[in-house]
């Protein structure tokens, strides 16, 4: 009785019922790597210089 209930229950689950722990780990590592690359790009000299020039130009038009 219990075995047939378990078989019926397991066969009703969709094939992609959720991510496994390994998939969560890979997703977390990928997200951290993307965040590190994005941080390096945003804090790079060219981006800081460009933003500074943009702010200076905007302030110059106000005065």
N, C-alpha and C. Protein backbone atom coordinates (compact mmCIF):
# COMPACT_ATOMS: atom_id res chain seq x y z
N UNK A 1 0.82 -1.19 0.00
CA UNK A 1 0.00 0.00 0.00
C UNK A 1 0.87 1.26 0.00
N UNK A 2 1.85 1.33 0.90
CA UNK A 2 2.71 2.51 0.97
C UNK A 2 3.57 2.62 -0.28
N UNK A 3 4.03 1.48 -0.76
CA UNK A 3 4.90 1.50 -1.94
C UNK A 3 4.15 2.02 -3.16
N UNK A 4 2.93 1.62 -3.37
CA UNK A 4 2.17 2.11 -4.52
C UNK A 4 1.87 3.59 -4.39
N UNK A 5 1.65 4.05 -3.16
CA UNK A 5 1.43 5.48 -2.95
C UNK A 5 2.69 6.26 -3.31
N UNK A 6 3.85 5.75 -2.89
CA UNK A 6 5.12 6.41 -3.16
C UNK A 6 5.41 6.44 -4.66
N UNK A 7 5.19 5.33 -5.34
CA UNK A 7 5.41 5.27 -6.78
C UNK A 7 4.49 6.26 -7.50
N UNK A 8 3.24 6.30 -7.10
CA UNK A 8 2.28 7.21 -7.71
C UNK A 8 2.70 8.67 -7.46
N UNK A 9 3.15 8.93 -6.26
CA UNK A 9 3.57 10.30 -5.89
C UNK A 9 4.80 10.73 -6.68
N UNK A 10 5.77 9.85 -6.81
CA UNK A 10 7.00 10.20 -7.51
C UNK A 10 6.78 10.36 -9.02
N UNK A 11 5.85 9.63 -9.58
CA UNK A 11 5.61 9.75 -11.00
C UNK A 11 4.78 10.98 -11.34
N UNK A 12 4.16 11.61 -10.36
CA UNK A 12 3.37 12.81 -10.61
C UNK A 12 4.22 14.07 -10.61
N UNK A 13 5.46 14.00 -10.15
CA UNK A 13 6.32 15.17 -10.12
C UNK A 13 6.76 15.53 -11.53
N UNK A 14 6.82 16.81 -11.85
CA UNK A 14 7.34 17.20 -13.16
C UNK A 14 8.83 16.87 -13.25
N UNK A 15 9.34 16.70 -14.46
CA UNK A 15 10.75 16.32 -14.60
C UNK A 15 11.71 17.38 -14.08
N UNK A 16 11.31 18.64 -14.07
CA UNK A 16 12.18 19.70 -13.57
C UNK A 16 11.56 20.31 -12.32
N UNK A 17 11.37 19.48 -11.32
CA UNK A 17 10.70 19.91 -10.09
C UNK A 17 11.49 20.97 -9.34
N UNK A 18 12.77 21.08 -9.55
CA UNK A 18 13.59 22.08 -8.87
C UNK A 18 15.05 21.81 -9.08
N UNK A 19 15.85 22.80 -8.73
CA UNK A 19 17.28 22.63 -8.89
C UNK A 19 17.85 21.81 -7.74
N UNK A 20 18.88 21.09 -8.03
CA UNK A 20 19.56 20.33 -6.99
C UNK A 20 20.60 21.23 -6.33
N UNK A 21 21.19 20.75 -5.28
CA UNK A 21 22.17 21.54 -4.54
C UNK A 21 23.36 21.89 -5.42
N UNK A 22 23.80 20.98 -6.26
CA UNK A 22 24.93 21.27 -7.14
C UNK A 22 24.59 22.38 -8.13
N UNK A 23 23.36 22.39 -8.62
CA UNK A 23 22.97 23.45 -9.55
C UNK A 23 22.92 24.80 -8.84
N UNK A 24 22.46 24.81 -7.60
CA UNK A 24 22.49 26.06 -6.83
C UNK A 24 23.93 26.53 -6.64
N UNK A 25 24.83 25.62 -6.35
CA UNK A 25 26.23 25.98 -6.13
C UNK A 25 26.84 26.55 -7.41
N UNK A 26 26.59 25.93 -8.53
CA UNK A 26 27.13 26.42 -9.81
C UNK A 26 26.53 27.79 -10.13
N UNK A 27 25.24 27.94 -9.90
CA UNK A 27 24.60 29.23 -10.15
C UNK A 27 25.14 30.32 -9.26
N UNK A 28 25.40 30.01 -8.01
CA UNK A 28 25.96 30.98 -7.07
C UNK A 28 27.37 31.38 -7.47
N UNK A 29 28.18 30.42 -7.86
CA UNK A 29 29.56 30.72 -8.29
C UNK A 29 29.54 31.57 -9.55
N UNK A 30 28.65 31.26 -10.49
CA UNK A 30 28.56 32.04 -11.72
C UNK A 30 28.11 33.47 -11.42
N UNK A 31 27.16 33.64 -10.52
CA UNK A 31 26.69 34.97 -10.16
C UNK A 31 27.80 35.78 -9.48
N UNK A 32 28.58 35.13 -8.63
CA UNK A 32 29.69 35.82 -7.96
C UNK A 32 30.77 36.21 -8.96
N UNK A 33 31.06 35.35 -9.91
CA UNK A 33 32.05 35.67 -10.93
C UNK A 33 31.59 36.83 -11.79
N UNK A 34 30.32 36.83 -12.17
CA UNK A 34 29.78 37.94 -12.96
C UNK A 34 29.83 39.24 -12.16
N UNK A 35 29.52 39.19 -10.87
CA UNK A 35 29.58 40.38 -10.02
C UNK A 35 31.01 40.91 -9.91
N UNK A 36 31.98 40.02 -9.81
CA UNK A 36 33.38 40.44 -9.72
C UNK A 36 33.83 41.12 -11.01
N UNK A 37 33.45 40.56 -12.14
CA UNK A 37 33.81 41.17 -13.43
C UNK A 37 33.14 42.52 -13.58
N UNK A 38 31.87 42.60 -13.23
CA UNK A 38 31.15 43.86 -13.32
C UNK A 38 31.76 44.91 -12.40
N UNK A 39 32.16 44.52 -11.21
CA UNK A 39 32.80 45.45 -10.28
C UNK A 39 34.11 45.98 -10.86
N UNK A 40 34.90 45.11 -11.48
CA UNK A 40 36.15 45.54 -12.07
C UNK A 40 35.91 46.52 -13.22
N UNK A 41 34.88 46.28 -14.00
CA UNK A 41 34.57 47.18 -15.12
C UNK A 41 34.11 48.53 -14.61
N UNK A 42 33.21 48.53 -13.64
CA UNK A 42 32.64 49.79 -13.15
C UNK A 42 33.68 50.61 -12.40
N UNK A 43 34.58 49.99 -11.68
CA UNK A 43 35.59 50.73 -10.94
C UNK A 43 36.84 50.99 -11.76
N UNK A 44 36.81 50.64 -13.04
CA UNK A 44 37.96 50.90 -13.91
C UNK A 44 38.14 52.39 -14.14
N UNK A 45 39.33 52.76 -14.51
CA UNK A 45 39.69 54.17 -14.68
C UNK A 45 38.85 54.86 -15.75
N UNK A 46 38.59 54.19 -16.85
CA UNK A 46 37.84 54.84 -17.93
C UNK A 46 36.40 55.14 -17.54
N UNK A 47 35.78 54.25 -16.78
CA UNK A 47 34.40 54.48 -16.35
C UNK A 47 34.35 55.63 -15.34
N UNK A 48 35.28 55.64 -14.38
CA UNK A 48 35.32 56.71 -13.38
C UNK A 48 35.57 58.05 -14.06
N UNK A 49 36.49 58.08 -15.02
CA UNK A 49 36.78 59.32 -15.74
C UNK A 49 35.56 59.77 -16.55
N UNK A 50 34.92 58.83 -17.20
CA UNK A 50 33.73 59.18 -17.99
C UNK A 50 32.60 59.73 -17.13
N UNK A 51 32.36 59.10 -16.00
CA UNK A 51 31.31 59.59 -15.11
C UNK A 51 31.67 60.95 -14.51
N UNK A 52 32.94 61.15 -14.17
CA UNK A 52 33.37 62.44 -13.64
C UNK A 52 33.19 63.53 -14.69
N UNK A 53 33.57 63.24 -15.92
CA UNK A 53 33.39 64.23 -17.00
C UNK A 53 31.91 64.53 -17.23
N UNK A 54 31.07 63.52 -17.16
CA UNK A 54 29.65 63.71 -17.34
C UNK A 54 29.05 64.59 -16.24
N UNK A 55 29.43 64.35 -15.00
CA UNK A 55 28.94 65.15 -13.88
C UNK A 55 29.45 66.58 -14.00
N UNK A 56 30.73 66.75 -14.33
CA UNK A 56 31.28 68.09 -14.50
C UNK A 56 30.59 68.85 -15.61
N UNK A 57 30.29 68.19 -16.71
CA UNK A 57 29.59 68.83 -17.82
C UNK A 57 28.17 69.22 -17.40
N UNK A 58 27.50 68.36 -16.66
CA UNK A 58 26.15 68.68 -16.20
C UNK A 58 26.17 69.86 -15.23
N UNK A 59 27.14 69.89 -14.35
CA UNK A 59 27.24 71.03 -13.40
C UNK A 59 27.63 72.31 -14.11
N UNK A 60 28.41 72.21 -15.16
CA UNK A 60 28.82 73.41 -15.91
C UNK A 60 27.63 74.03 -16.64
N UNK A 61 26.69 73.22 -17.08
CA UNK A 61 25.53 73.75 -17.78
C UNK A 61 24.56 74.43 -16.80
N UNK A 62 24.61 74.07 -15.53
CA UNK A 62 23.73 74.67 -14.54
C UNK A 62 24.20 76.04 -14.09
N UNK A 63 25.49 76.31 -14.19
CA UNK A 63 26.00 77.59 -13.69
C UNK A 63 26.22 78.61 -14.78
